Amino acid sequence: MRASLKTLAQDTGMTYDQKRMSVFGYYQGYQMIIRNVQNRRVFEIRFHVNGGTPEQAKAVQDYFAGLSQSNPAVKSAVFDGVGASIQVKSNGKNSVEALKEILNSVLSVCRSYSMVSCCKYCGAQTNLGVYSLGGECTSMCGGCFEKAQSDLSAARQSLKEQKSNIAGGTVGALLGSLIGVALWVIVYQLGYIAGIVGFVMAVCCMKGYEKFGGKLNAAGMVISLLIAVAMLYFAENVSLALEIYNEFKMDYDITFFDAFRSIPEFMKDDSVSRSVLSDLAMGYLLMLVASVSSIRATYQNANLKHEMKKLS
């Protein structure tokens, strides 16, 4: 996918941005953004145009409506009167030629109906640029970018003045962790590896802290992750207790709580202890591996630490 984007940039004179897995710039007089859709073998072509009459805009919409039928490389195509989005299937070495063919065809239609590039937000046709908003390439005018910067600065200042309620946040993290506990137990009972739920547990704790604590700061992150670690251990014990209860309830007059209290005795059995330790190790490992980027993103979103910069 990277190779296709790099080649496309070279062939069209646009800019390749490896960090954002995107190509952007002017092509045939139109400001374009082409990106790789994350975790999918699909490219997305995005641009914004206006300037034609309502009848001309309708004609462009009709063209887009039939694009996926007329071109097998097109997965979907939408034009709402200003914004255009075309998803193109990745086809290995042929992807670049397919993308260029679609670009040429689409822009030819836009040109024939007097459409010109414009700002995504206000429709202005001048002072256009490509900007990074939260790490995603966006086409807009300088005025709208300055307003977005001002709005973000005001929101950051408001958030900075907001106090974090540690007590409320801790309660929220505990409540959020219960979702992870329930998922762990369900997945465990179905006979699957419950480890991936460790990732869900961490995210639920952070979301719960933010919901009840008002602000997910560094202290909130630490508290949330400590609760996630402890509750994953608790979830494994609940799962083991259920397994003990289901195994012996027909032969002995026991309750779930009896089974839970008997866990230390069962842990003396090497096979049981190995199984439990294996489950926990997998859960904590996947919590660490799968959560790193998500934890970072969650913290950045909660604290409005979004990238905002001009790219071209």
C-alpha atoms as a PDB file:
ATOM      1  CA  MET A   1       0.000   0.000   0.000  1.00  0.00           C
ATOM      2  CA  ARG A   2       2.856   2.388   0.847  1.00  0.00           C
ATOM      3  CA  ALA A   3       4.599   1.600  -2.433  1.00  0.00           C
ATOM      4  CA  SER A   4       1.411   2.363  -4.378  1.00  0.00           C
ATOM      5  CA  LEU A   5       0.967   5.715  -2.646  1.00  0.00           C
ATOM      6  CA  LYS A   6       4.610   6.673  -3.223  1.00  0.00           C
ATOM      7  CA  THR A   7       4.367   5.783  -6.904  1.00  0.00           C
ATOM      8  CA  LEU A   8       1.093   7.672  -7.241  1.00  0.00           C
ATOM      9  CA  ALA A   9       2.700  10.778  -5.717  1.00  0.00           C
ATOM     10  CA  GLN A  10       5.630  10.548  -8.126  1.00  0.00           C
ATOM     11  CA  ASP A  11       3.371  10.071 -11.151  1.00  0.00           C
ATOM     12  CA  THR A  12       0.984  12.905 -10.277  1.00  0.00           C
ATOM     13  CA  GLY A  13       3.358  15.457  -8.732  1.00  0.00           C
ATOM     14  CA  MET A  14       1.545  15.356  -5.391  1.00  0.00           C
ATOM     15  CA  THR A  15       3.135  14.909  -1.951  1.00  0.00           C
ATOM     16  CA  TYR A  16       3.490  11.561  -0.199  1.00  0.00           C
ATOM     17  CA  ASP A  17       3.138  11.646   3.598  1.00  0.00           C
ATOM     18  CA  GLN A  18       4.373   8.392   5.123  1.00  0.00           C
ATOM     19  CA  LYS A  19       3.299   9.272   8.668  1.00  0.00           C
ATOM     20  CA  ARG A  20      -0.322   9.746   7.647  1.00  0.00           C
ATOM     21  CA  MET A  21      -0.251   7.144   4.841  1.00  0.00           C
ATOM     22  CA  SER A  22      -1.610   9.788   2.472  1.00  0.00           C
ATOM     23  CA  VAL A  23      -0.943  11.566  -0.800  1.00  0.00           C
ATOM     24  CA  PHE A  24      -2.145  15.150  -1.160  1.00  0.00           C
ATOM     25  CA  GLY A  25      -1.806  18.234  -3.321  1.00  0.00           C
ATOM     26  CA  TYR A  26      -3.127  19.712  -6.546  1.00  0.00           C
ATOM     27  CA  TYR A  27      -3.774  17.432  -9.495  1.00  0.00           C
ATOM     28  CA  GLN A  28      -5.229  18.795 -12.720  1.00  0.00           C
ATOM     29  CA  GLY A  29      -6.148  21.967 -10.832  1.00  0.00           C
ATOM     30  CA  TYR A  30      -8.027  20.187  -8.024  1.00  0.00           C
ATOM     31  CA  GLN A  31      -6.882  19.773  -4.445  1.00  0.00           C
ATOM     32  CA  MET A  32      -6.916  16.054  -3.677  1.00  0.00           C
ATOM     33  CA  ILE A  33      -6.291  13.770  -0.710  1.00  0.00           C
ATOM     34  CA  ILE A  34      -5.759  10.040  -1.240  1.00  0.00           C
ATOM     35  CA  ARG A  35      -5.224   7.860   1.793  1.00  0.00           C
ATOM     36  CA  ASN A  36      -5.001   4.237   2.799  1.00  0.00           C
ATOM     37  CA  VAL A  37      -8.024   3.296   4.909  1.00  0.00           C
ATOM     38  CA  GLN A  38      -6.577   1.918   8.144  1.00  0.00           C
ATOM     39  CA  ASN A  39      -6.608  -1.878   8.518  1.00  0.00           C
ATOM     40  CA  ARG A  40      -8.308  -2.324   5.148  1.00  0.00           C
ATOM     41  CA  ARG A  41      -6.955  -2.927   1.660  1.00  0.00           C
ATOM     42  CA  VAL A  42      -8.798   0.114   0.381  1.00  0.00           C
ATOM     43  CA  PHE A  43      -7.741   3.569  -0.804  1.00  0.00           C
ATOM     44  CA  GLU A  44      -9.971   6.592  -0.314  1.00  0.00           C
ATOM     45  CA  ILE A  45      -9.974   9.584  -2.660  1.00  0.00           C
ATOM     46  CA  ARG A  46     -11.375  12.723  -1.028  1.00  0.00           C
ATOM     47  CA  PHE A  47     -11.910  16.236  -2.319  1.00  0.00           C
ATOM     48  CA  HIS A  48     -14.342  19.149  -2.038  1.00  0.00           C
ATOM     49  CA  VAL A  49     -15.786  21.155  -4.916  1.00  0.00           C
ATOM     50  CA  ASN A  50     -18.500  23.694  -5.634  1.00  0.00           C
ATOM     51  CA  GLY A  51     -19.250  26.453  -8.142  1.00  0.00           C
ATOM     52  CA  GLY A  52     -21.658  24.806 -10.523  1.00  0.00           C
ATOM     53  CA  THR A  53     -25.416  25.303 -10.727  1.00  0.00           C
ATOM     54  CA  PRO A  54     -27.749  23.041  -8.706  1.00  0.00           C
ATOM     55  CA  GLU A  55     -28.438  21.128 -11.934  1.00  0.00           C
ATOM     56  CA  GLN A  56     -24.714  20.628 -12.519  1.00  0.00           C
ATOM     57  CA  ALA A  57     -24.177  19.465  -8.941  1.00  0.00           C
ATOM     58  CA  LYS A  58     -27.038  16.968  -9.423  1.00  0.00           C
ATOM     59  CA  ALA A  59     -25.394  15.690 -12.609  1.00  0.00           C
ATOM     60  CA  VAL A  60     -22.136  15.083 -10.695  1.00  0.00           C
ATOM     61  CA  GLN A  61     -24.083  13.287  -7.968  1.00  0.00           C
ATOM     62  CA  ASP A  62     -25.696  11.033 -10.571  1.00  0.00           C
ATOM     63  CA  TYR A  63     -22.273  10.265 -12.032  1.00  0.00           C
ATOM     64  CA  PHE A  64     -20.971   9.260  -8.598  1.00  0.00           C
ATOM     65  CA  ALA A  65     -24.047   7.131  -7.936  1.00  0.00           C
ATOM     66  CA  GLY A  66     -23.210   4.929 -10.905  1.00  0.00           C
ATOM     67  CA  LEU A  67     -19.441   4.892 -10.520  1.00  0.00           C
ATOM     68  CA  SER A  68     -19.213   1.632  -8.570  1.00  0.00           C
ATOM     69  CA  GLN A  69     -21.272  -0.121 -11.271  1.00  0.00           C
ATOM     70  CA  SER A  70     -19.293   1.273 -14.191  1.00  0.00           C
ATOM     71  CA  ASN A  71     -15.840   0.705 -12.663  1.00  0.00           C
ATOM     72  CA  PRO A  72     -15.142  -2.615 -10.859  1.00  0.00           C
ATOM     73  CA  ALA A  73     -12.203  -1.088  -8.974  1.00  0.00           C
ATOM     74  CA  VAL A  74     -14.557   1.300  -7.157  1.00  0.00           C
ATOM     75  CA  LYS A  75     -15.960  -0.052  -3.901  1.00  0.00           C
ATOM     76  CA  SER A  76     -18.166   2.964  -3.213  1.00  0.00           C
ATOM     77  CA  ALA A  77     -18.550   6.562  -4.394  1.00  0.00           C
ATOM     78  CA  VAL A  78     -20.460   9.410  -2.735  1.00  0.00           C
ATOM     79  CA  PHE A  79     -20.860  13.083  -3.580  1.00  0.00           C
ATOM     80  CA  ASP A  80     -23.045  15.209  -1.296  1.00  0.00           C
ATOM     81  CA  GLY A  81     -22.938  18.362  -3.390  1.00  0.00           C
ATOM     82  CA  VAL A  82     -19.593  19.533  -1.941  1.00  0.00           C
ATOM     83  CA  GLY A  83     -17.664  16.622  -0.464  1.00  0.00           C
ATOM     84  CA  ALA A  84     -16.609  13.645  -2.567  1.00  0.00           C
ATOM     85  CA  SER A  85     -15.405  10.286  -1.280  1.00  0.00           C
ATOM     86  CA  ILE A  86     -14.402   7.349  -3.482  1.00  0.00           C
ATOM     87  CA  GLN A  87     -13.196   4.070  -2.020  1.00  0.00           C
ATOM     88  CA  VAL A  88     -10.959   2.121  -4.395  1.00  0.00           C
ATOM     89  CA  LYS A  89     -10.046  -1.541  -3.926  1.00  0.00           C
ATOM     90  CA  SER A  90      -6.351  -2.268  -3.599  1.00  0.00           C
ATOM     91  CA  ASN A  91      -5.218  -4.388  -6.527  1.00  0.00           C
ATOM     92  CA  GLY A  92      -1.494  -4.825  -5.988  1.00  0.00           C
ATOM     93  CA  LYS A  93       0.664  -3.516  -8.802  1.00  0.00           C
ATOM     94  CA  ASN A  94      -2.399  -2.322 -10.724  1.00  0.00           C
ATOM     95  CA  SER A  95      -3.588  -0.056  -7.885  1.00  0.00           C
ATOM     96  CA  VAL A  96      -1.711   3.025  -9.116  1.00  0.00           C
ATOM     97  CA  GLU A  97      -3.101   2.791 -12.644  1.00  0.00           C
ATOM     98  CA  ALA A  98      -6.601   2.219 -11.269  1.00  0.00           C
ATOM     99  CA  LEU A  99      -6.308   5.260  -8.997  1.00  0.00           C
ATOM    100  CA  LYS A 100      -5.027   7.479 -11.821  1.00  0.00           C
ATOM    101  CA  GLU A 101      -7.769   6.295 -14.172  1.00  0.00           C
ATOM    102  CA  ILE A 102     -10.439   7.096 -11.571  1.00  0.00           C
ATOM    103  CA  LEU A 103      -8.874  10.479 -10.753  1.00  0.00           C
ATOM    104  CA  ASN A 104      -8.720  11.454 -14.420  1.00  0.00           C
ATOM    105  CA  SER A 105     -12.288  10.356 -15.076  1.00  0.00           C
ATOM    106  CA  VAL A 106     -13.786  11.989 -11.987  1.00  0.00           C
ATOM    107  CA  LEU A 107     -11.948  15.279 -12.395  1.00  0.00           C
ATOM    108  CA  SER A 108     -12.897  15.420 -16.059  1.00  0.00           C
ATOM    109  CA  VAL A 109     -16.557  15.194 -15.057  1.00  0.00           C
ATOM    110  CA  CYS A 110     -16.128  17.862 -12.351  1.00  0.00           C
ATOM    111  CA  ARG A 111     -14.424  20.169 -14.829  1.00  0.00           C
ATOM    112  CA  SER A 112     -17.140  19.677 -17.432  1.00  0.00           C
ATOM    113  CA  TYR A 113     -19.729  20.809 -14.874  1.00  0.00           C
ATOM    114  CA  SER A 114     -17.734  23.895 -13.790  1.00  0.00           C
ATOM    115  CA  MET A 115     -16.814  22.529 -10.362  1.00  0.00           C
ATOM    116  CA  VAL A 116     -13.740  23.966  -8.595  1.00  0.00           C
ATOM    117  CA  SER A 117     -11.925  23.082  -5.377  1.00  0.00           C
ATOM    118  CA  CYS A 118     -13.283  24.637  -2.199  1.00  0.00           C
ATOM    119  CA  CYS A 119     -12.954  24.601   1.579  1.00  0.00           C
ATOM    120  CA  LYS A 120     -14.595  21.656   3.310  1.00  0.00           C
ATOM    121  CA  TYR A 121     -16.202  23.914   5.907  1.00  0.00           C
ATOM    122  CA  CYS A 122     -17.103  27.303   4.427  1.00  0.00           C
ATOM    123  CA  GLY A 123     -16.945  26.659   0.677  1.00  0.00           C
ATOM    124  CA  ALA A 124     -14.294  29.307  -0.003  1.00  0.00           C
ATOM    125  CA  GLN A 125     -12.389  28.748  -3.241  1.00  0.00           C
ATOM    126  CA  THR A 126      -9.223  30.678  -2.309  1.00  0.00           C
ATOM    127  CA  ASN A 127      -6.443  30.359   0.271  1.00  0.00           C
ATOM    128  CA  LEU A 128      -6.863  26.575   0.307  1.00  0.00           C
ATOM    129  CA  GLY A 129      -4.430  24.172   1.906  1.00  0.00           C
ATOM    130  CA  VAL A 130      -4.104  20.672   3.307  1.00  0.00           C
ATOM    131  CA  TYR A 131      -3.925  20.572   7.090  1.00  0.00           C
ATOM    132  CA  SER A 132      -3.452  17.865   9.687  1.00  0.00           C
ATOM    133  CA  LEU A 133      -6.314  17.842  12.190  1.00  0.00           C
ATOM    134  CA  GLY A 134      -5.799  15.148  14.772  1.00  0.00           C
ATOM    135  CA  GLY A 135      -3.385  13.350  12.469  1.00  0.00           C
ATOM    136  CA  GLU A 136      -5.809  13.217   9.547  1.00  0.00           C
ATOM    137  CA  CYS A 137      -5.344  15.196   6.336  1.00  0.00           C
ATOM    138  CA  THR A 138      -8.105  17.720   5.732  1.00  0.00           C
ATOM    139  CA  SER A 139      -8.639  20.232   2.918  1.00  0.00           C
ATOM    140  CA  MET A 140      -9.723  23.657   4.147  1.00  0.00           C
ATOM    141  CA  CYS A 141      -9.056  27.380   3.855  1.00  0.00           C
ATOM    142  CA  GLY A 142      -6.690  29.358   6.062  1.00  0.00           C
ATOM    143  CA  GLY A 143      -9.526  31.191   7.782  1.00  0.00           C
ATOM    144  CA  CYS A 144     -11.273  28.000   8.877  1.00  0.00           C
ATOM    145  CA  PHE A 145      -7.966  26.555  10.083  1.00  0.00           C
ATOM    146  CA  GLU A 146      -7.328  29.640  12.226  1.00  0.00           C
ATOM    147  CA  LYS A 147     -10.834  29.318  13.683  1.00  0.00           C
ATOM    148  CA  ALA A 148     -10.236  25.615  14.417  1.00  0.00           C
ATOM    149  CA  GLN A 149      -6.981  26.500  16.161  1.00  0.00           C
ATOM    150  CA  SER A 150      -8.716  29.189  18.208  1.00  0.00           C
ATOM    151  CA  ASP A 151     -11.569  26.843  19.177  1.00  0.00           C
ATOM    152  CA  LEU A 152      -9.109  24.131  20.207  1.00  0.00           C
ATOM    153  CA  SER A 153      -7.046  26.577  22.279  1.00  0.00           C
ATOM    154  CA  ALA A 154     -10.199  27.734  24.082  1.00  0.00           C
ATOM    155  CA  ALA A 155     -11.278  24.151  24.718  1.00  0.00           C
ATOM    156  CA  ARG A 156      -7.808  23.248  26.023  1.00  0.00           C
ATOM    157  CA  GLN A 157      -7.835  26.230  28.374  1.00  0.00           C
ATOM    158  CA  SER A 158     -11.276  25.256  29.649  1.00  0.00           C
ATOM    159  CA  LEU A 159     -10.105  21.687  30.185  1.00  0.00           C
ATOM    160  CA  LYS A 160      -6.941  22.887  31.925  1.00  0.00           C
ATOM    161  CA  GLU A 161      -9.048  24.821  34.418  1.00  0.00           C
ATOM    162  CA  GLN A 162     -11.261  21.793  35.019  1.00  0.00           C
ATOM    163  CA  LYS A 163     -10.346  19.795  38.112  1.00  0.00           C
ATOM    164  CA  SER A 164     -10.064  16.032  38.112  1.00  0.00           C
ATOM    165  CA  ASN A 165     -12.264  14.329  40.716  1.00  0.00           C
ATOM    166  CA  ILE A 166     -10.086  11.415  41.783  1.00  0.00           C
ATOM    167  CA  ALA A 167     -12.733   9.830  44.010  1.00  0.00           C
ATOM    168  CA  GLY A 168     -15.402  10.009  41.323  1.00  0.00           C
ATOM    169  CA  GLY A 169     -12.945   8.901  38.666  1.00  0.00           C
ATOM    170  CA  THR A 170     -11.897   5.874  40.726  1.00  0.00           C
ATOM    171  CA  VAL A 171     -15.532   4.855  41.129  1.00  0.00           C
ATOM    172  CA  GLY A 172     -16.014   5.311  37.391  1.00  0.00           C
ATOM    173  CA  ALA A 173     -12.959   3.198  36.594  1.00  0.00           C
ATOM    174  CA  LEU A 174     -14.256   0.431  38.873  1.00  0.00           C
ATOM    175  CA  LEU A 175     -17.669   0.537  37.209  1.00  0.00           C
ATOM    176  CA  GLY A 176     -16.044   0.492  33.772  1.00  0.00           C
ATOM    177  CA  SER A 177     -13.921  -2.475  34.767  1.00  0.00           C
ATOM    178  CA  LEU A 178     -17.063  -4.503  35.461  1.00  0.00           C
ATOM    179  CA  ILE A 179     -17.728  -4.510  31.710  1.00  0.00           C
ATOM    180  CA  GLY A 180     -14.306  -6.048  31.209  1.00  0.00           C
ATOM    181  CA  VAL A 181     -14.917  -8.582  33.994  1.00  0.00           C
ATOM    182  CA  ALA A 182     -18.221  -9.641  32.420  1.00  0.00           C
ATOM    183  CA  LEU A 183     -16.619 -10.004  28.987  1.00  0.00           C
ATOM    184  CA  TRP A 184     -13.691 -11.994  30.398  1.00  0.00           C
ATOM    185  CA  VAL A 185     -16.041 -14.431  32.167  1.00  0.00           C
ATOM    186  CA  ILE A 186     -18.276 -14.836  29.098  1.00  0.00           C
ATOM    187  CA  VAL A 187     -15.369 -15.444  26.737  1.00  0.00           C
ATOM    188  CA  TYR A 188     -13.776 -17.834  29.260  1.00  0.00           C
ATOM    189  CA  GLN A 189     -16.999 -19.822  29.585  1.00  0.00           C
ATOM    190  CA  LEU A 190     -17.251 -20.105  25.810  1.00  0.00           C
ATOM    191  CA  GLY A 191     -13.864 -21.797  25.806  1.00  0.00           C
ATOM    192  CA  TYR A 192     -11.890 -19.099  23.991  1.00  0.00           C
ATOM    193  CA  ILE A 193      -8.699 -17.305  24.999  1.00  0.00           C
ATOM    194  CA  ALA A 194      -9.934 -14.370  27.020  1.00  0.00           C
ATOM    195  CA  GLY A 195      -6.650 -12.470  26.802  1.00  0.00           C
ATOM    196  CA  ILE A 196      -7.799  -9.870  24.263  1.00  0.00           C
ATOM    197  CA  VAL A 197     -10.393  -8.741  26.807  1.00  0.00           C
ATOM    198  CA  GLY A 198      -7.453  -7.327  28.780  1.00  0.00           C
ATOM    199  CA  PHE A 199      -7.300  -4.558  26.190  1.00  0.00           C
ATOM    200  CA  VAL A 200     -11.034  -3.876  26.560  1.00  0.00           C
ATOM    201  CA  MET A 201     -10.632  -3.814  30.339  1.00  0.00           C
ATOM    202  CA  ALA A 202      -8.010  -1.039  30.174  1.00  0.00           C
ATOM    203  CA  VAL A 203     -10.091   1.104  27.813  1.00  0.00           C
ATOM    204  CA  CYS A 204     -13.286   0.650  29.878  1.00  0.00           C
ATOM    205  CA  CYS A 205     -11.462   1.718  33.048  1.00  0.00           C
ATOM    206  CA  MET A 206     -10.132   4.888  31.394  1.00  0.00           C
ATOM    207  CA  LYS A 207     -13.499   5.769  29.890  1.00  0.00           C
ATOM    208  CA  GLY A 208     -15.170   5.192  33.263  1.00  0.00           C
ATOM    209  CA  TYR A 209     -12.626   7.413  35.009  1.00  0.00           C
ATOM    210  CA  GLU A 210     -13.146  10.182  32.454  1.00  0.00           C
ATOM    211  CA  LYS A 211     -16.934   9.906  32.699  1.00  0.00           C
ATOM    212  CA  PHE A 212     -17.092  10.173  36.490  1.00  0.00           C
ATOM    213  CA  GLY A 213     -13.868  12.054  37.186  1.00  0.00           C
ATOM    214  CA  GLY A 214     -14.389  14.800  34.642  1.00  0.00           C
ATOM    215  CA  LYS A 215     -10.828  14.692  33.330  1.00  0.00           C
ATOM    216  CA  LEU A 216      -8.421  11.869  32.494  1.00  0.00           C
ATOM    217  CA  ASN A 217      -5.075  13.239  33.681  1.00  0.00           C
ATOM    218  CA  ALA A 218      -1.827  11.364  34.365  1.00  0.00           C
ATOM    219  CA  ALA A 219      -3.010  10.327  37.832  1.00  0.00           C
ATOM    220  CA  GLY A 220      -6.253   9.081  36.312  1.00  0.00           C
ATOM    221  CA  MET A 221      -4.307   7.014  33.771  1.00  0.00           C
ATOM    222  CA  VAL A 222      -2.279   5.339  36.520  1.00  0.00           C
ATOM    223  CA  ILE A 223      -5.347   4.660  38.684  1.00  0.00           C
ATOM    224  CA  SER A 224      -7.279   3.276  35.706  1.00  0.00           C
ATOM    225  CA  LEU A 225      -4.473   0.917  34.681  1.00  0.00           C
ATOM    226  CA  LEU A 226      -3.930  -0.307  38.251  1.00  0.00           C
ATOM    227  CA  ILE A 227      -7.641  -1.052  38.540  1.00  0.00           C
ATOM    228  CA  ALA A 228      -7.560  -2.823  35.161  1.00  0.00           C
ATOM    229  CA  VAL A 229      -4.675  -5.026  36.321  1.00  0.00           C
ATOM    230  CA  ALA A 230      -6.420  -5.893  39.609  1.00  0.00           C
ATOM    231  CA  MET A 231      -9.815  -6.511  38.017  1.00  0.00           C
ATOM    232  CA  LEU A 232      -8.360  -8.777  35.352  1.00  0.00           C
ATOM    233  CA  TYR A 233      -7.001 -10.954  38.190  1.00  0.00           C
ATOM    234  CA  PHE A 234     -10.437 -10.838  39.841  1.00  0.00           C
ATOM    235  CA  ALA A 235     -12.124 -11.795  36.551  1.00  0.00           C
ATOM    236  CA  GLU A 236      -9.857 -14.832  36.186  1.00  0.00           C
ATOM    237  CA  ASN A 237     -10.776 -15.930  39.715  1.00  0.00           C
ATOM    238  CA  VAL A 238     -14.493 -15.505  39.025  1.00  0.00           C
ATOM    239  CA  SER A 239     -14.103 -17.609  35.881  1.00  0.00           C
ATOM    240  CA  LEU A 240     -12.239 -20.315  37.783  1.00  0.00           C
ATOM    241  CA  ALA A 241     -14.852 -20.299  40.563  1.00  0.00           C
ATOM    242  CA  LEU A 242     -17.615 -20.757  37.994  1.00  0.00           C
ATOM    243  CA  GLU A 243     -15.744 -23.661  36.477  1.00  0.00           C
ATOM    244  CA  ILE A 244     -15.340 -25.285  39.913  1.00  0.00           C
ATOM    245  CA  TYR A 245     -19.003 -24.672  40.741  1.00  0.00           C
ATOM    246  CA  ASN A 246     -20.267 -26.133  37.462  1.00  0.00           C
ATOM    247  CA  GLU A 247     -18.004 -29.155  37.877  1.00  0.00           C
ATOM    248  CA  PHE A 248     -19.074 -30.063  41.429  1.00  0.00           C
ATOM    249  CA  LYS A 249     -22.583 -28.640  41.942  1.00  0.00           C
ATOM    250  CA  MET A 250     -24.268 -31.917  40.945  1.00  0.00           C
ATOM    251  CA  ASP A 251     -22.320 -34.005  43.439  1.00  0.00           C
ATOM    252  CA  TYR A 252     -21.954 -31.570  46.323  1.00  0.00           C
ATOM    253  CA  ASP A 253     -24.197 -29.039  48.010  1.00  0.00           C
ATOM    254  CA  ILE A 254     -22.073 -25.999  47.221  1.00  0.00           C
ATOM    255  CA  THR A 255     -22.707 -22.421  46.199  1.00  0.00           C
ATOM    256  CA  PHE A 256     -20.694 -20.199  43.891  1.00  0.00           C
ATOM    257  CA  PHE A 257     -19.188 -18.495  46.946  1.00  0.00           C
ATOM    258  CA  ASP A 258     -18.071 -21.859  48.308  1.00  0.00           C
ATOM    259  CA  ALA A 259     -16.364 -22.496  44.979  1.00  0.00           C
ATOM    260  CA  PHE A 260     -14.734 -19.062  45.093  1.00  0.00           C
ATOM    261  CA  ARG A 261     -13.369 -19.684  48.609  1.00  0.00           C
ATOM    262  CA  SER A 262     -11.958 -23.028  47.476  1.00  0.00           C
ATOM    263  CA  ILE A 263      -9.715 -21.470  44.798  1.00  0.00           C
ATOM    264  CA  PRO A 264      -6.542 -21.520  46.976  1.00  0.00           C
ATOM    265  CA  GLU A 265      -6.933 -25.281  47.431  1.00  0.00           C
ATOM    266  CA  PHE A 266      -7.362 -25.889  43.714  1.00  0.00           C
ATOM    267  CA  MET A 267      -4.374 -23.664  42.967  1.00  0.00           C
ATOM    268  CA  LYS A 268      -2.194 -26.224  44.756  1.00  0.00           C
ATOM    269  CA  ASP A 269      -2.795 -28.468  41.754  1.00  0.00           C
ATOM    270  CA  ASP A 270      -0.025 -27.834  39.210  1.00  0.00           C
ATOM    271  CA  SER A 271      -2.292 -28.170  36.164  1.00  0.00           C
ATOM    272  CA  VAL A 272      -4.805 -25.660  37.565  1.00  0.00           C
ATOM    273  CA  SER A 273      -2.151 -23.149  38.614  1.00  0.00           C
ATOM    274  CA  ARG A 274      -0.400 -23.425  35.238  1.00  0.00           C
ATOM    275  CA  SER A 275      -3.690 -22.802  33.420  1.00  0.00           C
ATOM    276  CA  VAL A 276      -4.532 -19.780  35.564  1.00  0.00           C
ATOM    277  CA  LEU A 277      -1.053 -18.288  35.249  1.00  0.00           C
ATOM    278  CA  SER A 278      -1.143 -18.857  31.486  1.00  0.00           C
ATOM    279  CA  ASP A 279      -4.494 -17.046  31.225  1.00  0.00           C
ATOM    280  CA  LEU A 280      -3.240 -14.134  33.305  1.00  0.00           C
ATOM    281  CA  ALA A 281       0.030 -13.887  31.404  1.00  0.00           C
ATOM    282  CA  MET A 282      -1.852 -13.817  28.099  1.00  0.00           C
ATOM    283  CA  GLY A 283      -4.313 -11.257  29.446  1.00  0.00           C
ATOM    284  CA  TYR A 284      -1.635  -8.928  30.775  1.00  0.00           C
ATOM    285  CA  LEU A 285       0.506  -9.311  27.669  1.00  0.00           C
ATOM    286  CA  LEU A 286      -2.361  -8.453  25.325  1.00  0.00           C
ATOM    287  CA  MET A 287      -3.414  -5.645  27.649  1.00  0.00           C
ATOM    288  CA  LEU A 288       0.077  -4.204  27.274  1.00  0.00           C
ATOM    289  CA  VAL A 289       0.564  -4.830  23.553  1.00  0.00           C
ATOM    290  CA  ALA A 290      -2.911  -3.939  22.348  1.00  0.00           C
ATOM    291  CA  SER A 291      -3.402  -1.043  24.743  1.00  0.00           C
ATOM    292  CA  VAL A 292      -0.256   1.014  24.130  1.00  0.00           C
ATOM    293  CA  SER A 293      -1.524   2.923  21.080  1.00  0.00           C
ATOM    294  CA  SER A 294      -5.117   2.987  22.310  1.00  0.00           C
ATOM    295  CA  ILE A 295      -4.117   4.242  25.766  1.00  0.00           C
ATOM    296  CA  ARG A 296      -2.064   6.995  24.147  1.00  0.00           C
ATOM    297  CA  ALA A 297      -4.927   7.938  21.820  1.00  0.00           C
ATOM    298  CA  THR A 298      -7.473   7.862  24.650  1.00  0.00           C
ATOM    299  CA  TYR A 299      -5.285  10.120  26.791  1.00  0.00           C
ATOM    300  CA  GLN A 300      -4.666  12.529  23.904  1.00  0.00           C
ATOM    301  CA  ASN A 301      -8.365  12.722  23.027  1.00  0.00           C
ATOM    302  CA  ALA A 302      -9.351  13.207  26.645  1.00  0.00           C
ATOM    303  CA  ASN A 303      -6.880  16.081  26.968  1.00  0.00           C
ATOM    304  CA  LEU A 304      -7.437  17.530  23.468  1.00  0.00           C
ATOM    305  CA  LYS A 305      -3.818  16.905  22.477  1.00  0.00           C
ATOM    306  CA  HIS A 306      -4.639  16.909  18.765  1.00  0.00           C
ATOM    307  CA  GLU A 307      -2.098  17.694  16.079  1.00  0.00           C
ATOM    308  CA  MET A 308      -2.981  20.815  14.124  1.00  0.00           C
ATOM    309  CA  LYS A 309      -0.573  21.939  11.431  1.00  0.00           C
ATOM    310  CA  LYS A 310      -0.434  23.025   7.813  1.00  0.00           C
ATOM    311  CA  LEU A 311       0.917  20.385   5.450  1.00  0.00           C
ATOM    312  CA  SER A 312       0.715  22.215   2.128  1.00  0.00           C
END
